[in-house]
Amino acid sequence: MEKFISVLKIIPSTTADGEGFRTSIYFAGCSHHCRGCHNPQAWKKKNGTMVSIEEIMAHILPNEFENVTFSGGDPLYQVEAITRLAIQIKIQTVKTIWCYSGYTYEQILASPRLSMILPHIDVLVDGPFLLEKKTNQIPFVGSSNQRVIMLTK
């Protein structure tokens, strides 16, 4: 079991990655390699810095009124560690968690490994970025095939 997560950057107080102010964590590693990706440096896990869950929590906890977004790369590339982080966030805070993934909800549900994250996140933004469906007309997605799926009420 990995004790560290490969992180590209942590951005506090952003409104780009979900509703309201959020602390966005950009994880390294992605196997989708979407054409036109805005963050191709995130494809390789080695491009990130190995950070402990405790170090990430030290960025999240002081921002009392900010929720959390997992982005990347694809957070599900490191799903075991990301799930442990999500559990800690839920234990220690009342923050909502949004998670962006290039996998569709159906693909995640079909995989026992990938679906382990679902009980611990509130919103899933799913699907690969498709350059031919690029849009700025739908909030919080990059292409019109992607969906914002509320997992909790």
N, C-alpha and C. Protein backbone atom coordinates (compact mmCIF):
# COMPACT_ATOMS: atom_id res chain seq x y z
N MET A 1 0.84 -1.17 0.00
CA MET A 1 0.00 0.00 0.00
C MET A 1 0.89 1.25 0.00
N GLU A 2 0.73 2.09 -1.03
CA GLU A 2 1.53 3.30 -1.12
C GLU A 2 1.14 4.29 -0.05
N LYS A 3 2.15 4.91 0.56
CA LYS A 3 1.91 5.91 1.59
C LYS A 3 1.99 7.32 1.02
N PHE A 4 2.37 7.43 -0.24
CA PHE A 4 2.53 8.73 -0.87
C PHE A 4 1.74 8.79 -2.17
N ILE A 5 1.35 10.01 -2.52
CA ILE A 5 0.57 10.26 -3.73
C ILE A 5 1.37 11.22 -4.59
N SER A 6 1.44 10.96 -5.88
CA SER A 6 2.15 11.86 -6.79
C SER A 6 1.26 13.05 -7.13
N VAL A 7 1.70 14.24 -6.70
CA VAL A 7 0.92 15.47 -6.85
C VAL A 7 1.69 16.46 -7.71
N LEU A 8 0.99 17.04 -8.68
CA LEU A 8 1.59 18.11 -9.49
C LEU A 8 1.54 19.44 -8.76
N LYS A 9 0.34 19.79 -8.27
CA LYS A 9 0.19 21.05 -7.55
C LYS A 9 -1.10 21.04 -6.74
N ILE A 10 -1.12 21.91 -5.75
CA ILE A 10 -2.30 22.13 -4.92
C ILE A 10 -2.61 23.62 -5.01
N ILE A 11 -3.83 23.93 -5.44
CA ILE A 11 -4.22 25.32 -5.62
C ILE A 11 -5.37 25.65 -4.67
N PRO A 12 -5.12 26.54 -3.71
CA PRO A 12 -6.20 26.95 -2.81
C PRO A 12 -7.07 28.03 -3.45
N SER A 13 -8.28 28.17 -2.95
CA SER A 13 -9.18 29.28 -3.29
C SER A 13 -9.45 29.43 -4.78
N THR A 14 -9.65 28.33 -5.48
CA THR A 14 -10.01 28.40 -6.90
C THR A 14 -11.52 28.19 -7.05
N THR A 15 -12.08 28.78 -8.10
CA THR A 15 -13.50 28.57 -8.41
C THR A 15 -13.66 27.87 -9.75
N ALA A 16 -12.56 27.42 -10.35
CA ALA A 16 -12.60 26.82 -11.68
C ALA A 16 -12.98 25.34 -11.67
N ASP A 17 -12.82 24.67 -10.56
CA ASP A 17 -12.94 23.21 -10.53
C ASP A 17 -14.11 22.72 -9.69
N GLY A 18 -15.23 23.41 -9.77
CA GLY A 18 -16.40 23.01 -9.01
C GLY A 18 -17.07 24.22 -8.39
N GLU A 19 -18.21 23.98 -7.76
CA GLU A 19 -18.98 25.07 -7.18
C GLU A 19 -18.29 25.65 -5.96
N GLY A 20 -18.31 26.97 -5.86
CA GLY A 20 -17.76 27.67 -4.71
C GLY A 20 -16.24 27.66 -4.69
N PHE A 21 -15.68 28.13 -3.60
CA PHE A 21 -14.23 28.13 -3.44
C PHE A 21 -13.77 26.72 -3.08
N ARG A 22 -12.68 26.31 -3.70
CA ARG A 22 -12.21 24.95 -3.53
C ARG A 22 -10.69 24.92 -3.42
N THR A 23 -10.18 23.93 -2.72
CA THR A 23 -8.76 23.59 -2.80
C THR A 23 -8.67 22.48 -3.83
N SER A 24 -8.00 22.75 -4.94
CA SER A 24 -7.88 21.77 -6.02
C SER A 24 -6.53 21.09 -5.94
N ILE A 25 -6.58 19.77 -6.00
CA ILE A 25 -5.36 18.97 -5.96
C ILE A 25 -5.22 18.31 -7.32
N TYR A 26 -4.11 18.62 -8.00
CA TYR A 26 -3.84 18.05 -9.32
C TYR A 26 -2.86 16.90 -9.15
N PHE A 27 -3.37 15.69 -9.39
CA PHE A 27 -2.57 14.48 -9.23
C PHE A 27 -1.88 14.13 -10.54
N ALA A 28 -0.71 13.52 -10.43
CA ALA A 28 0.05 13.12 -11.61
C ALA A 28 -0.29 11.69 -11.98
N GLY A 29 -0.33 11.44 -13.28
CA GLY A 29 -0.61 10.11 -13.80
C GLY A 29 -1.93 10.07 -14.52
N CYS A 30 -1.89 9.65 -15.78
CA CYS A 30 -3.11 9.52 -16.57
C CYS A 30 -2.81 8.64 -17.77
N SER A 31 -3.67 7.69 -18.02
CA SER A 31 -3.47 6.79 -19.16
C SER A 31 -4.38 7.13 -20.34
N HIS A 32 -5.22 8.17 -20.20
CA HIS A 32 -6.16 8.49 -21.27
C HIS A 32 -5.51 9.23 -22.43
N HIS A 33 -4.56 10.11 -22.13
CA HIS A 33 -3.82 10.87 -23.15
C HIS A 33 -4.75 11.51 -24.17
N CYS A 34 -5.72 12.27 -23.68
CA CYS A 34 -6.71 12.91 -24.56
C CYS A 34 -6.04 13.93 -25.49
N ARG A 35 -6.40 13.88 -26.74
CA ARG A 35 -5.91 14.86 -27.71
C ARG A 35 -6.41 16.23 -27.31
N GLY A 36 -5.52 17.21 -27.24
CA GLY A 36 -5.90 18.55 -26.83
C GLY A 36 -5.94 18.75 -25.32
N CYS A 37 -5.46 17.80 -24.55
CA CYS A 37 -5.44 17.89 -23.09
C CYS A 37 -4.78 19.21 -22.66
N HIS A 38 -5.39 19.90 -21.69
CA HIS A 38 -4.82 21.16 -21.20
C HIS A 38 -3.71 20.93 -20.19
N ASN A 39 -3.47 19.69 -19.81
CA ASN A 39 -2.50 19.41 -18.76
C ASN A 39 -1.68 18.14 -19.09
N PRO A 40 -1.06 18.06 -20.29
CA PRO A 40 -0.36 16.83 -20.65
C PRO A 40 0.84 16.50 -19.77
N GLN A 41 1.40 17.48 -19.07
CA GLN A 41 2.49 17.18 -18.14
C GLN A 41 2.01 16.29 -17.00
N ALA A 42 0.70 16.20 -16.82
CA ALA A 42 0.13 15.37 -15.77
C ALA A 42 0.03 13.90 -16.17
N TRP A 43 0.34 13.57 -17.40
CA TRP A 43 0.21 12.18 -17.84
C TRP A 43 1.17 11.24 -17.12
N LYS A 44 2.36 11.73 -16.82
CA LYS A 44 3.38 10.87 -16.20
C LYS A 44 3.40 11.06 -14.69
N LYS A 45 3.24 9.97 -13.99
CA LYS A 45 3.24 10.01 -12.53
C LYS A 45 4.55 10.58 -11.99
N LYS A 46 5.65 10.31 -12.69
CA LYS A 46 6.96 10.78 -12.23
C LYS A 46 7.10 12.30 -12.32
N ASN A 47 6.20 12.98 -13.02
CA ASN A 47 6.26 14.44 -13.10
C ASN A 47 5.75 15.12 -11.83
N GLY A 48 5.12 14.36 -10.97
CA GLY A 48 4.64 14.92 -9.71
C GLY A 48 5.66 14.76 -8.60
N THR A 49 5.30 15.28 -7.45
CA THR A 49 6.11 15.14 -6.23
C THR A 49 5.37 14.18 -5.31
N MET A 50 6.08 13.23 -4.75
CA MET A 50 5.46 12.28 -3.84
C MET A 50 5.18 12.97 -2.51
N VAL A 51 3.90 12.99 -2.14
CA VAL A 51 3.43 13.73 -0.97
C VAL A 51 2.58 12.79 -0.12
N SER A 52 2.71 12.90 1.19
CA SER A 52 1.91 12.05 2.08
C SER A 52 0.50 12.62 2.22
N ILE A 53 -0.42 11.75 2.63
CA ILE A 53 -1.79 12.19 2.90
C ILE A 53 -1.79 13.27 3.98
N GLU A 54 -0.94 13.14 4.98
CA GLU A 54 -0.86 14.14 6.05
C GLU A 54 -0.44 15.50 5.49
N GLU A 55 0.51 15.51 4.56
CA GLU A 55 0.95 16.78 3.95
C GLU A 55 -0.19 17.42 3.14
N ILE A 56 -0.94 16.59 2.43
CA ILE A 56 -2.07 17.13 1.66
C ILE A 56 -3.13 17.67 2.61
N MET A 57 -3.41 16.95 3.67
CA MET A 57 -4.39 17.41 4.66
C MET A 57 -3.96 18.75 5.28
N ALA A 58 -2.67 18.98 5.41
CA ALA A 58 -2.18 20.24 5.96
C ALA A 58 -2.53 21.42 5.04
N HIS A 59 -2.75 21.17 3.77
CA HIS A 59 -3.19 22.21 2.84
C HIS A 59 -4.71 22.38 2.91
N ILE A 60 -5.42 21.31 3.18
CA ILE A 60 -6.89 21.32 3.14
C ILE A 60 -7.49 21.86 4.44
N LEU A 61 -7.01 21.42 5.57
CA LEU A 61 -7.65 21.73 6.85
C LEU A 61 -7.71 23.23 7.19
N PRO A 62 -6.67 24.02 6.94
CA PRO A 62 -6.75 25.44 7.32
C PRO A 62 -7.79 26.24 6.52
N ASN A 63 -8.15 25.77 5.36
CA ASN A 63 -9.12 26.47 4.51
C ASN A 63 -10.52 26.02 4.88
N GLU A 64 -10.98 26.51 6.01
CA GLU A 64 -12.21 26.04 6.64
C GLU A 64 -13.43 26.11 5.73
N PHE A 65 -13.50 27.15 4.89
CA PHE A 65 -14.71 27.36 4.08
C PHE A 65 -14.53 26.92 2.63
N GLU A 66 -13.46 26.20 2.34
CA GLU A 66 -13.22 25.71 0.98
C GLU A 66 -13.46 24.21 0.92
N ASN A 67 -14.13 23.79 -0.14
CA ASN A 67 -14.30 22.38 -0.39
C ASN A 67 -13.10 21.89 -1.19
N VAL A 68 -13.14 20.64 -1.68
CA VAL A 68 -11.96 20.01 -2.29
C VAL A 68 -12.31 19.46 -3.67
N THR A 69 -11.36 19.59 -4.59
CA THR A 69 -11.49 18.97 -5.91
C THR A 69 -10.26 18.13 -6.19
N PHE A 70 -10.49 16.91 -6.69
CA PHE A 70 -9.42 16.04 -7.17
C PHE A 70 -9.41 16.16 -8.69
N SER A 71 -8.26 16.52 -9.26
CA SER A 71 -8.13 16.64 -10.70
C SER A 71 -6.78 16.08 -11.11
N GLY A 72 -6.36 16.38 -12.30
CA GLY A 72 -5.06 15.85 -12.70
C GLY A 72 -4.68 16.26 -14.09
N GLY A 73 -4.09 15.29 -14.75
CA GLY A 73 -4.05 13.85 -14.69
C GLY A 73 -5.45 13.27 -14.46
N ASP A 74 -5.43 12.06 -14.02
CA ASP A 74 -6.66 11.40 -13.62
C ASP A 74 -6.45 10.86 -12.21
N PRO A 75 -7.18 11.40 -11.23
CA PRO A 75 -7.01 10.92 -9.85
C PRO A 75 -7.16 9.41 -9.72
N LEU A 76 -7.97 8.80 -10.59
CA LEU A 76 -8.20 7.36 -10.47
C LEU A 76 -7.00 6.54 -10.92
N TYR A 77 -6.00 7.19 -11.50
CA TYR A 77 -4.74 6.52 -11.82
C TYR A 77 -4.07 6.03 -10.52
N GLN A 78 -4.34 6.73 -9.42
CA GLN A 78 -3.82 6.38 -8.10
C GLN A 78 -5.00 6.15 -7.13
N VAL A 79 -5.98 5.40 -7.58
CA VAL A 79 -7.26 5.33 -6.87
C VAL A 79 -7.16 4.84 -5.43
N GLU A 80 -6.27 3.92 -5.14
CA GLU A 80 -6.17 3.42 -3.77
C GLU A 80 -5.77 4.54 -2.81
N ALA A 81 -4.74 5.28 -3.17
CA ALA A 81 -4.26 6.37 -2.32
C ALA A 81 -5.26 7.52 -2.27
N ILE A 82 -5.88 7.82 -3.40
CA ILE A 82 -6.87 8.89 -3.45
C ILE A 82 -8.08 8.55 -2.58
N THR A 83 -8.46 7.29 -2.57
CA THR A 83 -9.57 6.86 -1.72
C THR A 83 -9.21 7.05 -0.25
N ARG A 84 -7.98 6.69 0.13
CA ARG A 84 -7.56 6.90 1.52
C ARG A 84 -7.59 8.39 1.88
N LEU A 85 -7.18 9.24 0.93
CA LEU A 85 -7.22 10.68 1.17
C LEU A 85 -8.68 11.15 1.33
N ALA A 86 -9.55 10.70 0.45
CA ALA A 86 -10.97 11.09 0.53
C ALA A 86 -11.57 10.67 1.87
N ILE A 87 -11.24 9.49 2.33
CA ILE A 87 -11.75 9.02 3.63
C ILE A 87 -11.28 9.94 4.75
N GLN A 88 -10.02 10.34 4.72
CA GLN A 88 -9.50 11.24 5.75
C GLN A 88 -10.19 12.59 5.71
N ILE A 89 -10.44 13.11 4.50
CA ILE A 89 -11.15 14.38 4.37
C ILE A 89 -12.53 14.26 5.00
N LYS A 90 -13.23 13.16 4.71
CA LYS A 90 -14.58 12.97 5.25
C LYS A 90 -14.59 12.76 6.76
N ILE A 91 -13.57 12.11 7.29
CA ILE A 91 -13.47 11.90 8.74
C ILE A 91 -13.20 13.22 9.46
N GLN A 92 -12.32 14.04 8.89
CA GLN A 92 -11.85 15.23 9.60
C GLN A 92 -12.59 16.51 9.27
N THR A 93 -13.45 16.50 8.23
CA THR A 93 -14.12 17.74 7.82
C THR A 93 -15.55 17.45 7.36
N VAL A 94 -16.25 18.51 7.00
CA VAL A 94 -17.56 18.38 6.38
C VAL A 94 -17.50 18.86 4.92
N LYS A 95 -16.33 18.86 4.34
CA LYS A 95 -16.12 19.35 2.98
C LYS A 95 -16.69 18.40 1.94
N THR A 96 -17.16 18.99 0.84
CA THR A 96 -17.55 18.16 -0.31
C THR A 96 -16.33 17.91 -1.17
N ILE A 97 -16.35 16.79 -1.88
CA ILE A 97 -15.25 16.42 -2.77
C ILE A 97 -15.80 16.24 -4.17
N TRP A 98 -15.25 16.99 -5.11
CA TRP A 98 -15.49 16.78 -6.54
C TRP A 98 -14.30 16.01 -7.08
N CYS A 99 -14.55 15.09 -8.01
CA CYS A 99 -13.48 14.31 -8.61
C CYS A 99 -13.66 14.29 -10.13
N TYR A 100 -12.63 14.72 -10.84
CA TYR A 100 -12.61 14.67 -12.30
C TYR A 100 -11.92 13.39 -12.74
N SER A 101 -12.51 12.69 -13.71
CA SER A 101 -11.90 11.47 -14.24
C SER A 101 -12.19 11.32 -15.72
N GLY A 102 -11.22 10.80 -16.44
CA GLY A 102 -11.41 10.49 -17.86
C GLY A 102 -12.23 9.23 -18.07
N TYR A 103 -12.44 8.46 -17.01
CA TYR A 103 -13.31 7.28 -17.11
C TYR A 103 -14.76 7.74 -17.03
N THR A 104 -15.65 7.01 -17.66
CA THR A 104 -17.07 7.30 -17.50
C THR A 104 -17.56 6.67 -16.19
N TYR A 105 -18.67 7.17 -15.72
CA TYR A 105 -19.29 6.63 -14.51
C TYR A 105 -19.53 5.12 -14.66
N GLU A 106 -20.00 4.73 -15.84
CA GLU A 106 -20.28 3.31 -16.09
C GLU A 106 -19.01 2.46 -16.02
N GLN A 107 -17.90 2.97 -16.56
CA GLN A 107 -16.63 2.24 -16.49
C GLN A 107 -16.16 2.13 -15.03
N ILE A 108 -16.34 3.18 -14.28
CA ILE A 108 -15.93 3.17 -12.87
C ILE A 108 -16.78 2.16 -12.09
N LEU A 109 -18.08 2.18 -12.30
CA LEU A 109 -18.97 1.24 -11.62
C LEU A 109 -18.62 -0.21 -11.94
N ALA A 110 -18.20 -0.47 -13.16
CA ALA A 110 -17.90 -1.84 -13.60
C ALA A 110 -16.58 -2.37 -13.05
N SER A 111 -15.78 -1.50 -12.46
CA SER A 111 -14.46 -1.90 -11.95
C SER A 111 -14.44 -1.87 -10.43
N PRO A 112 -14.26 -3.04 -9.79
CA PRO A 112 -14.16 -3.04 -8.32
C PRO A 112 -13.04 -2.12 -7.82
N ARG A 113 -11.96 -2.06 -8.57
CA ARG A 113 -10.83 -1.21 -8.16
C ARG A 113 -11.21 0.27 -8.26
N LEU A 114 -11.69 0.71 -9.40
CA LEU A 114 -11.99 2.14 -9.58
C LEU A 114 -13.17 2.59 -8.74
N SER A 115 -14.16 1.73 -8.56
CA SER A 115 -15.38 2.13 -7.86
C SER A 115 -15.19 2.33 -6.36
N MET A 116 -14.03 1.94 -5.83
CA MET A 116 -13.80 2.12 -4.38
C MET A 116 -13.88 3.60 -3.97
N ILE A 117 -13.66 4.52 -4.90
CA ILE A 117 -13.71 5.95 -4.57
C ILE A 117 -15.14 6.48 -4.44
N LEU A 118 -16.09 5.88 -5.15
CA LEU A 118 -17.43 6.46 -5.27
C LEU A 118 -18.15 6.75 -3.94
N PRO A 119 -18.06 5.89 -2.92
CA PRO A 119 -18.77 6.22 -1.67
C PRO A 119 -18.18 7.43 -0.93
N HIS A 120 -17.02 7.90 -1.37
CA HIS A 120 -16.29 8.93 -0.62
C HIS A 120 -16.22 10.28 -1.33
N ILE A 121 -16.85 10.38 -2.51
CA ILE A 121 -16.88 11.66 -3.21
C ILE A 121 -18.34 12.09 -3.40
N ASP A 122 -18.52 13.37 -3.58
CA ASP A 122 -19.86 13.93 -3.70
C ASP A 122 -20.27 14.18 -5.15
N VAL A 123 -19.31 14.54 -5.98
CA VAL A 123 -19.59 14.85 -7.38
C VAL A 123 -18.49 14.24 -8.24
N LEU A 124 -18.91 13.57 -9.31
CA LEU A 124 -17.98 13.02 -10.29
C LEU A 124 -18.18 13.78 -11.60
N VAL A 125 -17.10 14.31 -12.15
CA VAL A 125 -17.13 14.86 -13.50
C VAL A 125 -16.44 13.81 -14.35
N ASP A 126 -17.21 13.15 -15.22
CA ASP A 126 -16.70 11.95 -15.89
C ASP A 126 -16.47 12.14 -17.37
N GLY A 127 -15.70 11.20 -17.92
CA GLY A 127 -15.50 11.10 -19.35
C GLY A 127 -14.23 11.77 -19.84
N PRO A 128 -13.69 11.24 -20.93
CA PRO A 128 -12.46 11.82 -21.48
C PRO A 128 -12.74 13.18 -22.13
N PHE A 129 -11.72 14.01 -22.19
CA PHE A 129 -11.84 15.26 -22.94
C PHE A 129 -11.78 14.91 -24.42
N LEU A 130 -12.77 15.36 -25.17
CA LEU A 130 -12.81 15.14 -26.62
C LEU A 130 -12.68 16.48 -27.31
N LEU A 131 -11.57 16.70 -27.99
CA LEU A 131 -11.28 17.98 -28.63
C LEU A 131 -12.40 18.41 -29.58
N GLU A 132 -12.97 17.45 -30.31
CA GLU A 132 -14.03 17.77 -31.27
C GLU A 132 -15.34 18.18 -30.57
N LYS A 133 -15.43 17.94 -29.26
CA LYS A 133 -16.63 18.33 -28.49
C LYS A 133 -16.31 19.40 -27.45
N LYS A 134 -15.17 20.07 -27.64
CA LYS A 134 -14.75 21.11 -26.70
C LYS A 134 -15.84 22.16 -26.56
N THR A 135 -16.08 22.59 -25.31
CA THR A 135 -17.12 23.59 -25.06
C THR A 135 -16.73 24.47 -23.88
N ASN A 136 -17.20 25.69 -23.90
CA ASN A 136 -17.12 26.54 -22.72
C ASN A 136 -18.53 26.97 -22.32
N GLN A 137 -19.52 26.26 -22.84
CA GLN A 137 -20.93 26.56 -22.58
C GLN A 137 -21.51 25.77 -21.41
N ILE A 138 -20.82 24.73 -20.97
CA ILE A 138 -21.31 23.89 -19.88
C ILE A 138 -20.36 24.07 -18.70
N PRO A 139 -20.87 24.53 -17.56
CA PRO A 139 -19.98 24.75 -16.42
C PRO A 139 -19.23 23.49 -15.98
N PHE A 140 -17.96 23.67 -15.68
CA PHE A 140 -17.10 22.67 -15.04
C PHE A 140 -16.71 21.48 -15.91
N VAL A 141 -16.98 21.52 -17.21
CA VAL A 141 -16.51 20.46 -18.11
C VAL A 141 -15.70 21.09 -19.23
N GLY A 142 -14.90 20.27 -19.90
CA GLY A 142 -14.11 20.75 -21.03
C GLY A 142 -14.71 20.39 -22.36
N SER A 143 -15.47 19.30 -22.40
CA SER A 143 -16.12 18.88 -23.64
C SER A 143 -17.54 18.39 -23.34
N SER A 144 -18.41 18.49 -24.33
CA SER A 144 -19.84 18.26 -24.10
C SER A 144 -20.21 16.82 -23.78
N ASN A 145 -19.31 15.88 -23.98
CA ASN A 145 -19.58 14.49 -23.60
C ASN A 145 -19.42 14.26 -22.11
N GLN A 146 -18.74 15.16 -21.42
CA GLN A 146 -18.49 14.99 -19.99
C GLN A 146 -19.74 15.36 -19.19
N ARG A 147 -19.91 14.70 -18.05
CA ARG A 147 -21.08 14.92 -17.21
C ARG A 147 -20.68 15.29 -15.80
N VAL A 148 -21.48 16.13 -15.16
CA VAL A 148 -21.35 16.45 -13.76
C VAL A 148 -22.40 15.61 -13.03
N ILE A 149 -21.95 14.59 -12.31
CA ILE A 149 -22.85 13.62 -11.69
C ILE A 149 -22.83 13.79 -10.18
N MET A 150 -23.98 14.16 -9.62
CA MET A 150 -24.11 14.31 -8.18
C MET A 150 -24.27 12.91 -7.56
N LEU A 151 -23.36 12.56 -6.69
CA LEU A 151 -23.40 11.24 -6.05
C LEU A 151 -24.03 11.29 -4.66
N THR A 152 -24.06 12.47 -4.06
CA THR A 152 -24.70 12.64 -2.76
C THR A 152 -25.69 13.79 -2.87
N LYS A 153 -26.61 13.84 -1.92
CA LYS A 153 -27.61 14.91 -1.94
C LYS A 153 -27.11 16.13 -1.21
